[in-house]
Amino acid sequence: MSQIEVDQEVIDFILKNDQDYRVSTSCSGPVVVPITIKAPKTTDLQIKVGNHILYISRVQARYISCVTPDMLDEMRYRTCPAF
């Protein structure tokens, strides 16, 4: 598994919202959600973003090379029955 990059817009979003996030699997693909919605697992990859951590699920880490702004679409996880 290669190093996963984080787009600057995602970094800015995490810093602005002042909390930890997780890249998780939703019914429409990878999504960045607060850890209050989807708790991190011990198997997650961890990327330091300022004073926060971006957790990336082991499943998603196999398929993504960059965490991009399109993964921030909150409506995807609000309307998905899996969350």
N, C-alpha and C. Protein backbone atom coordinates (compact mmCIF):
# COMPACT_ATOMS: atom_id res chain seq x y z
N MET A 1 0.85 -1.17 0.00
CA MET A 1 0.00 0.00 0.00
C MET A 1 0.90 1.23 0.00
N SER A 2 0.69 2.15 -0.95
CA SER A 2 1.51 3.34 -1.04
C SER A 2 0.97 4.43 -0.12
N GLN A 3 1.77 5.48 0.04
CA GLN A 3 1.36 6.62 0.87
C GLN A 3 0.13 7.29 0.27
N ILE A 4 -0.83 7.61 1.11
CA ILE A 4 -2.05 8.27 0.65
C ILE A 4 -1.91 9.77 0.89
N GLU A 5 -2.15 10.56 -0.15
CA GLU A 5 -2.09 12.01 -0.04
C GLU A 5 -3.44 12.55 0.39
N VAL A 6 -3.42 13.76 0.97
CA VAL A 6 -4.65 14.43 1.38
C VAL A 6 -4.67 15.78 0.68
N ASP A 7 -5.70 16.03 -0.10
CA ASP A 7 -5.86 17.28 -0.82
C ASP A 7 -5.93 18.45 0.16
N GLN A 8 -5.36 19.59 -0.22
CA GLN A 8 -5.32 20.75 0.67
C GLN A 8 -6.72 21.20 1.09
N GLU A 9 -7.71 21.08 0.23
CA GLU A 9 -9.08 21.45 0.59
C GLU A 9 -9.62 20.57 1.72
N VAL A 10 -9.25 19.31 1.72
CA VAL A 10 -9.66 18.39 2.79
C VAL A 10 -8.93 18.76 4.08
N ILE A 11 -7.65 19.07 3.98
CA ILE A 11 -6.89 19.51 5.16
C ILE A 11 -7.53 20.75 5.76
N ASP A 12 -7.84 21.73 4.92
CA ASP A 12 -8.48 22.97 5.39
C ASP A 12 -9.82 22.68 6.06
N PHE A 13 -10.60 21.77 5.49
CA PHE A 13 -11.89 21.38 6.04
C PHE A 13 -11.73 20.78 7.44
N ILE A 14 -10.78 19.89 7.60
CA ILE A 14 -10.54 19.24 8.90
C ILE A 14 -10.11 20.28 9.93
N LEU A 15 -9.19 21.15 9.56
CA LEU A 15 -8.71 22.17 10.49
C LEU A 15 -9.81 23.16 10.86
N LYS A 16 -10.62 23.55 9.88
CA LYS A 16 -11.72 24.49 10.13
C LYS A 16 -12.75 23.91 11.08
N ASN A 17 -13.04 22.62 10.93
CA ASN A 17 -14.06 21.97 11.75
C ASN A 17 -13.52 21.43 13.06
N ASP A 18 -12.20 21.46 13.23
CA ASP A 18 -11.56 21.18 14.52
C ASP A 18 -11.98 19.84 15.14
N GLN A 19 -11.93 18.78 14.32
CA GLN A 19 -12.24 17.46 14.85
C GLN A 19 -11.58 16.38 13.99
N ASP A 20 -11.55 15.18 14.49
CA ASP A 20 -10.99 14.04 13.76
C ASP A 20 -12.04 13.51 12.79
N TYR A 21 -11.55 12.96 11.67
CA TYR A 21 -12.43 12.41 10.64
C TYR A 21 -11.95 11.03 10.24
N ARG A 22 -12.82 10.32 9.52
CA ARG A 22 -12.49 8.99 9.03
C ARG A 22 -12.96 8.84 7.60
N VAL A 23 -12.12 8.27 6.75
CA VAL A 23 -12.53 7.89 5.40
C VAL A 23 -13.12 6.50 5.53
N SER A 24 -14.40 6.43 5.26
CA SER A 24 -15.14 5.19 5.45
C SER A 24 -15.82 4.80 4.13
N THR A 25 -16.44 3.65 4.14
CA THR A 25 -17.15 3.18 2.97
C THR A 25 -18.62 3.52 3.10
N SER A 26 -19.17 4.15 2.07
CA SER A 26 -20.61 4.41 2.04
C SER A 26 -21.20 3.68 0.84
N CYS A 27 -22.49 3.73 0.70
CA CYS A 27 -23.14 3.05 -0.42
C CYS A 27 -22.77 3.67 -1.76
N SER A 28 -22.20 4.89 -1.73
CA SER A 28 -21.80 5.53 -2.99
C SER A 28 -20.30 5.74 -3.10
N GLY A 29 -19.53 5.02 -2.29
CA GLY A 29 -18.07 5.11 -2.37
C GLY A 29 -17.46 5.70 -1.11
N PRO A 30 -16.15 6.04 -1.16
CA PRO A 30 -15.48 6.55 0.02
C PRO A 30 -16.03 7.91 0.43
N VAL A 31 -16.17 8.12 1.73
CA VAL A 31 -16.70 9.35 2.26
C VAL A 31 -15.94 9.74 3.53
N VAL A 32 -15.69 11.02 3.70
CA VAL A 32 -15.03 11.53 4.90
C VAL A 32 -16.12 11.93 5.89
N VAL A 33 -16.13 11.27 7.05
CA VAL A 33 -17.15 11.54 8.06
C VAL A 33 -16.47 11.80 9.41
N PRO A 34 -17.13 12.58 10.27
CA PRO A 34 -16.59 12.78 11.61
C PRO A 34 -16.56 11.44 12.35
N ILE A 35 -15.60 11.28 13.24
CA ILE A 35 -15.51 10.01 13.97
C ILE A 35 -16.69 9.84 14.93
N THR A 36 -17.47 10.88 15.14
CA THR A 36 -18.69 10.74 15.94
C THR A 36 -19.77 9.99 15.17
N ILE A 37 -19.63 9.93 13.84
CA ILE A 37 -20.57 9.18 13.01
C ILE A 37 -20.06 7.77 12.75
N LYS A 38 -18.78 7.66 12.46
CA LYS A 38 -18.18 6.35 12.20
C LYS A 38 -16.86 6.27 12.95
N ALA A 39 -16.86 5.56 14.06
CA ALA A 39 -15.68 5.49 14.93
C ALA A 39 -14.51 4.81 14.23
N PRO A 40 -13.30 5.26 14.54
CA PRO A 40 -12.11 4.62 13.94
C PRO A 40 -11.93 3.20 14.48
N LYS A 41 -11.23 2.40 13.69
CA LYS A 41 -10.90 1.03 14.10
C LYS A 41 -9.39 0.94 14.29
N THR A 42 -8.96 -0.03 15.04
CA THR A 42 -7.53 -0.20 15.30
C THR A 42 -6.75 -0.51 14.04
N THR A 43 -7.42 -1.01 13.01
CA THR A 43 -6.77 -1.36 11.76
C THR A 43 -6.66 -0.18 10.79
N ASP A 44 -7.24 0.98 11.13
CA ASP A 44 -7.21 2.14 10.24
C ASP A 44 -5.80 2.71 10.10
N LEU A 45 -5.52 3.23 8.91
CA LEU A 45 -4.34 4.01 8.66
C LEU A 45 -4.59 5.38 9.29
N GLN A 46 -3.57 5.99 9.90
CA GLN A 46 -3.74 7.29 10.53
C GLN A 46 -2.84 8.33 9.88
N ILE A 47 -3.45 9.46 9.51
CA ILE A 47 -2.69 10.56 8.92
C ILE A 47 -2.91 11.79 9.81
N LYS A 48 -1.81 12.36 10.27
CA LYS A 48 -1.87 13.54 11.13
C LYS A 48 -2.21 14.76 10.28
N VAL A 49 -3.22 15.53 10.71
CA VAL A 49 -3.63 16.76 10.04
C VAL A 49 -3.71 17.84 11.13
N GLY A 50 -2.66 18.63 11.27
CA GLY A 50 -2.61 19.59 12.37
C GLY A 50 -2.64 18.83 13.68
N ASN A 51 -3.56 19.22 14.56
CA ASN A 51 -3.74 18.54 15.85
C ASN A 51 -4.76 17.40 15.76
N HIS A 52 -5.16 17.06 14.56
CA HIS A 52 -6.21 16.06 14.37
C HIS A 52 -5.68 14.86 13.60
N ILE A 53 -6.50 13.82 13.56
CA ILE A 53 -6.14 12.61 12.83
C ILE A 53 -7.23 12.32 11.80
N LEU A 54 -6.78 12.00 10.60
CA LEU A 54 -7.66 11.50 9.56
C LEU A 54 -7.43 10.00 9.51
N TYR A 55 -8.43 9.25 9.91
CA TYR A 55 -8.35 7.79 9.88
C TYR A 55 -8.83 7.33 8.51
N ILE A 56 -8.17 6.33 7.97
CA ILE A 56 -8.59 5.77 6.69
C ILE A 56 -8.80 4.28 6.87
N SER A 57 -10.01 3.85 6.58
CA SER A 57 -10.32 2.44 6.78
C SER A 57 -9.40 1.57 5.94
N ARG A 58 -9.08 0.42 6.47
CA ARG A 58 -8.20 -0.52 5.77
C ARG A 58 -8.78 -0.89 4.41
N VAL A 59 -10.09 -0.99 4.33
CA VAL A 59 -10.74 -1.32 3.05
C VAL A 59 -10.49 -0.21 2.04
N GLN A 60 -10.73 1.03 2.41
CA GLN A 60 -10.55 2.15 1.49
C GLN A 60 -9.08 2.39 1.16
N ALA A 61 -8.20 2.15 2.11
CA ALA A 61 -6.76 2.39 1.89
C ALA A 61 -6.22 1.56 0.74
N ARG A 62 -6.84 0.46 0.44
CA ARG A 62 -6.39 -0.38 -0.67
C ARG A 62 -6.72 0.22 -2.03
N TYR A 63 -7.73 1.10 -2.06
CA TYR A 63 -8.25 1.58 -3.34
C TYR A 63 -8.00 3.05 -3.65
N ILE A 64 -7.66 3.85 -2.65
CA ILE A 64 -7.49 5.28 -2.91
C ILE A 64 -6.03 5.69 -2.78
N SER A 65 -5.65 6.70 -3.55
CA SER A 65 -4.30 7.24 -3.46
C SER A 65 -4.31 8.67 -2.92
N CYS A 66 -5.51 9.28 -2.92
CA CYS A 66 -5.64 10.65 -2.44
C CYS A 66 -7.03 10.84 -1.83
N VAL A 67 -7.10 11.54 -0.71
CA VAL A 67 -8.38 11.91 -0.11
C VAL A 67 -8.75 13.25 -0.74
N THR A 68 -9.86 13.27 -1.47
CA THR A 68 -10.23 14.41 -2.29
C THR A 68 -11.51 15.09 -1.78
N PRO A 69 -11.72 16.35 -2.17
CA PRO A 69 -12.90 17.09 -1.70
C PRO A 69 -14.24 16.44 -2.03
N ASP A 70 -14.32 15.68 -3.10
CA ASP A 70 -15.59 15.03 -3.42
C ASP A 70 -16.00 13.99 -2.37
N MET A 71 -15.07 13.58 -1.52
CA MET A 71 -15.38 12.65 -0.44
C MET A 71 -16.01 13.36 0.75
N LEU A 72 -16.09 14.69 0.71
CA LEU A 72 -16.65 15.48 1.81
C LEU A 72 -18.15 15.68 1.68
N ASP A 73 -18.79 15.15 0.69
CA ASP A 73 -20.21 15.36 0.43
C ASP A 73 -21.05 14.78 1.57
N GLU A 74 -21.46 15.65 2.49
CA GLU A 74 -22.20 15.20 3.68
C GLU A 74 -23.52 14.51 3.34
N MET A 75 -24.17 14.91 2.27
CA MET A 75 -25.46 14.30 1.92
C MET A 75 -25.32 12.82 1.63
N ARG A 76 -24.14 12.38 1.18
CA ARG A 76 -23.94 10.96 0.89
C ARG A 76 -24.08 10.13 2.14
N TYR A 77 -23.54 10.57 3.28
CA TYR A 77 -23.66 9.73 4.46
C TYR A 77 -24.92 10.03 5.26
N ARG A 78 -25.56 11.15 5.04
CA ARG A 78 -26.82 11.43 5.73
C ARG A 78 -27.98 10.64 5.13
N THR A 79 -27.90 10.34 3.83
CA THR A 79 -28.99 9.64 3.18
C THR A 79 -28.73 8.15 3.02
N CYS A 80 -27.56 7.70 3.36
CA CYS A 80 -27.21 6.30 3.18
C CYS A 80 -27.66 5.49 4.39
N PRO A 81 -28.45 4.45 4.20
CA PRO A 81 -28.94 3.66 5.34
C PRO A 81 -27.85 2.93 6.10
N ALA A 82 -26.64 2.82 5.53
CA ALA A 82 -25.55 2.12 6.22
C ALA A 82 -25.00 2.90 7.39
N PHE A 83 -25.33 4.19 7.46
CA PHE A 83 -24.79 5.02 8.54
C PHE A 83 -25.82 5.38 9.52
